C-alpha atoms as a PDB file:
ATOM      1  CA  MET A   1      -7.414  11.040  -5.522  1.00  0.00           C
ATOM      2  CA  ALA A   2      -5.309  11.268  -8.165  1.00  0.00           C
ATOM      3  CA  GLY A   3      -5.282   8.985 -11.550  1.00  0.00           C
ATOM      4  CA  LEU A   4      -3.457   7.859 -14.226  1.00  0.00           C
ATOM      5  CA  GLY A   5      -3.309  10.412 -16.855  1.00  0.00           C
ATOM      6  CA  ASP A   6      -5.069  13.095 -15.023  1.00  0.00           C
ATOM      7  CA  LEU A   7      -4.066  16.723 -14.923  1.00  0.00           C
ATOM      8  CA  VAL A   8      -3.221  17.798 -11.235  1.00  0.00           C
ATOM      9  CA  ARG A   9      -1.821  21.092  -9.778  1.00  0.00           C
ATOM     10  CA  ASP A  10       0.505  20.673  -6.923  1.00  0.00           C
ATOM     11  CA  SER A  11      -1.089  22.662  -3.922  1.00  0.00           C
ATOM     12  CA  ILE A  12       1.811  23.598  -2.574  1.00  0.00           C
ATOM     13  CA  THR A  13       4.209  24.966  -5.284  1.00  0.00           C
ATOM     14  CA  GLY A  14       1.556  25.279  -7.884  1.00  0.00           C
ATOM     15  CA  PHE A  15       3.033  22.614 -10.130  1.00  0.00           C
ATOM     16  CA  GLU A  16       1.011  21.642 -12.801  1.00  0.00           C
ATOM     17  CA  GLY A  17       1.169  18.304 -14.857  1.00  0.00           C
ATOM     18  CA  ILE A  18       0.470  14.734 -16.455  1.00  0.00           C
ATOM     19  CA  VAL A  19       0.196  12.155 -13.825  1.00  0.00           C
ATOM     20  CA  LEU A  20       2.666   9.194 -15.600  1.00  0.00           C
ATOM     21  CA  GLY A  21       2.886   6.765 -12.396  1.00  0.00           C
ATOM     22  CA  LYS A  22       1.675   6.099  -9.209  1.00  0.00           C
ATOM     23  CA  SER A  23       3.760   4.455  -6.292  1.00  0.00           C
ATOM     24  CA  GLU A  24       2.599   3.330  -3.087  1.00  0.00           C
ATOM     25  CA  TYR A  25       4.661   2.593  -0.411  1.00  0.00           C
ATOM     26  CA  LEU A  26       4.843   0.495   2.890  1.00  0.00           C
ATOM     27  CA  PHE A  27       3.368   2.510   5.581  1.00  0.00           C
ATOM     28  CA  GLY A  28       0.415   4.499   3.556  1.00  0.00           C
ATOM     29  CA  CYS A  29       2.462   7.195   1.286  1.00  0.00           C
ATOM     30  CA  VAL A  30       1.048   7.335  -1.969  1.00  0.00           C
ATOM     31  CA  ARG A  31       3.066   9.306  -4.678  1.00  0.00           C
ATOM     32  CA  CYS A  32       2.615  10.493  -8.448  1.00  0.00           C
ATOM     33  CA  LEU A  33       5.043  10.973 -10.527  1.00  0.00           C
ATOM     34  CA  VAL A  34       3.791  14.431 -12.342  1.00  0.00           C
ATOM     35  CA  GLN A  35       5.183  15.516 -16.017  1.00  0.00           C
ATOM     36  CA  ALA A  36       4.931  19.375 -16.830  1.00  0.00           C
ATOM     37  CA  ARG A  37       3.585  20.018 -20.151  1.00  0.00           C
ATOM     38  CA  ASP A  38       5.131  22.594 -20.921  1.00  0.00           C
ATOM     39  CA  LEU A  39       9.095  23.164 -22.226  1.00  0.00           C
ATOM     40  CA  ASP A  40      11.628  25.191 -19.861  1.00  0.00           C
ATOM     41  CA  LYS A  41      13.702  27.831 -21.373  1.00  0.00           C
ATOM     42  CA  ASP A  42      15.614  25.695 -23.843  1.00  0.00           C
ATOM     43  CA  GLY A  43      12.835  24.003 -25.369  1.00  0.00           C
ATOM     44  CA  ASN A  44      13.784  20.532 -23.434  1.00  0.00           C
ATOM     45  CA  VAL A  45      10.804  18.717 -21.868  1.00  0.00           C
ATOM     46  CA  LYS A  46      11.349  19.245 -17.671  1.00  0.00           C
ATOM     47  CA  LYS A  47      11.582  17.264 -15.676  1.00  0.00           C
ATOM     48  CA  GLY A  48       9.323  14.801 -13.672  1.00  0.00           C
ATOM     49  CA  GLU A  49       8.784  15.176 -10.296  1.00  0.00           C
ATOM     50  CA  TRP A  50       7.423  13.223  -7.695  1.00  0.00           C
ATOM     51  CA  LEU A  51       5.281  14.466  -5.327  1.00  0.00           C
ATOM     52  CA  ASP A  52       2.619  13.361  -2.575  1.00  0.00           C
ATOM     53  CA  GLU A  53      -0.683  12.393  -4.280  1.00  0.00           C
ATOM     54  CA  GLY A  54      -2.368  14.165  -0.349  1.00  0.00           C
ATOM     55  CA  GLN A  55      -0.823  17.688  -1.859  1.00  0.00           C
ATOM     56  CA  LEU A  56      -2.099  17.431  -5.317  1.00  0.00           C
ATOM     57  CA  LYS A  57      -5.796  18.553  -7.054  1.00  0.00           C
ATOM     58  CA  VAL A  58      -7.240  17.423 -10.025  1.00  0.00           C
ATOM     59  CA  VAL A  59      -7.503  20.023 -12.638  1.00  0.00           C
ATOM     60  CA  SER A  60      -8.470  17.693 -15.231  1.00  0.00           C
ATOM     61  CA  LYS A  61      -9.167  13.890 -15.323  1.00  0.00           C
ATOM     62  CA  GLY A  62      -8.298  12.208 -18.216  1.00  0.00           C
ATOM     63  CA  VAL A  63      -6.290  14.629 -20.252  1.00  0.00           C
ATOM     64  CA  ILE A  64      -4.771  11.016 -21.710  1.00  0.00           C
ATOM     65  CA  GLU A  65      -5.725   8.005 -22.353  1.00  0.00           C
ATOM     66  CA  VAL A  66      -4.520   5.641 -20.423  1.00  0.00           C
ATOM     67  CA  PRO A  67      -3.675   2.806 -22.965  1.00  0.00           C
ATOM     68  CA  ILE A  68      -4.699  -0.916 -22.640  1.00  0.00           C
ATOM     69  CA  ALA A  69      -2.966  -3.892 -23.902  1.00  0.00           C
ATOM     70  CA  THR A  70      -5.326  -6.155 -24.987  1.00  0.00           C
ATOM     71  CA  GLU A  71      -3.482  -9.386 -25.040  1.00  0.00           C
ATOM     72  CA  THR A  72      -2.867  -8.965 -21.221  1.00  0.00           C
ATOM     73  CA  LEU A  73      -6.032  -8.324 -20.783  1.00  0.00           C
ATOM     74  CA  THR A  74      -7.479 -11.170 -22.584  1.00  0.00           C
ATOM     75  CA  SER A  75      -4.603 -13.392 -20.145  1.00  0.00           C
ATOM     76  CA  LEU A  76      -5.878 -12.043 -17.381  1.00  0.00           C
ATOM     77  CA  LYS A  77     -10.271 -12.792 -18.342  1.00  0.00           C
ATOM     78  CA  ALA A  78      -8.739 -16.499 -18.915  1.00  0.00           C
ATOM     79  CA  LYS A  79      -6.768 -17.219 -16.054  1.00  0.00           C
ATOM     80  CA  ILE A  80      -9.715 -15.514 -13.579  1.00  0.00           C
ATOM     81  CA  SER A  81     -12.146 -17.642 -15.447  1.00  0.00           C
ATOM     82  CA  ARG A  82     -10.159 -20.719 -15.078  1.00  0.00           C
ATOM     83  CA  ILE A  83      -9.629 -19.521 -11.664  1.00  0.00           C
ATOM     84  CA  LEU A  84     -13.484 -19.310 -11.345  1.00  0.00           C
ATOM     85  CA  THR A  85     -14.682 -22.309 -12.937  1.00  0.00           C
ATOM     86  CA  GLY A  86     -11.945 -24.958 -11.775  1.00  0.00           C
ATOM     87  CA  GLY A  87     -10.216 -25.770 -14.972  1.00  0.00           C
ATOM     88  CA  PRO A  88      -8.668 -26.211 -17.324  1.00  0.00           C
ATOM     89  CA  ARG A  89      -5.107 -25.113 -16.232  1.00  0.00           C
ATOM     90  CA  GLU A  90      -2.437 -24.463 -17.684  1.00  0.00           C
ATOM     91  CA  GLY A  91      -0.648 -26.709 -19.358  1.00  0.00           C
ATOM     92  CA  ASP A  92      -3.817 -29.245 -19.281  1.00  0.00           C
ATOM     93  CA  SER A  93      -4.018 -31.234 -22.334  1.00  0.00           C
ATOM     94  CA  ASN A  94      -7.534 -32.227 -21.089  1.00  0.00           C
ATOM     95  CA  GLN A  95     -10.615 -30.020 -21.487  1.00  0.00           C
ATOM     96  CA  LEU A  96     -12.353 -31.843 -19.266  1.00  0.00           C
ATOM     97  CA  ARG A  97     -11.554 -32.950 -15.837  1.00  0.00           C
ATOM     98  CA  LYS A  98     -13.480 -35.531 -14.279  1.00  0.00           C
ATOM     99  CA  ASP A  99     -11.434 -35.225 -10.724  1.00  0.00           C
ATOM    100  CA  PRO A 100     -14.213 -35.843  -8.135  1.00  0.00           C
ATOM    101  CA  GLU A 101     -12.567 -34.092  -5.434  1.00  0.00           C
ATOM    102  CA  ARG A 102     -13.444 -30.263  -6.969  1.00  0.00           C
END
């Protein structure tokens, strides 16, 4: 299974590049946006190709590190913590709730 940042090769055409994006469709098809690492004959960046994940072979994992926005990650952790502990909820001025039904 190809992951973001992996170097992959299309087993049908031999096209090789880095996975920049993935898209999952309603009926189970997963396609990957693969960007070639080399330039065309004029020195321009080649166009990326959307390819079926099933026809891709991983050449090397994690060639490009996938950046994670720490602010988003921190926000997500806080939301998960609120869900698991039952509060405080966003917008609550009280840090502790005395709701017997919780």
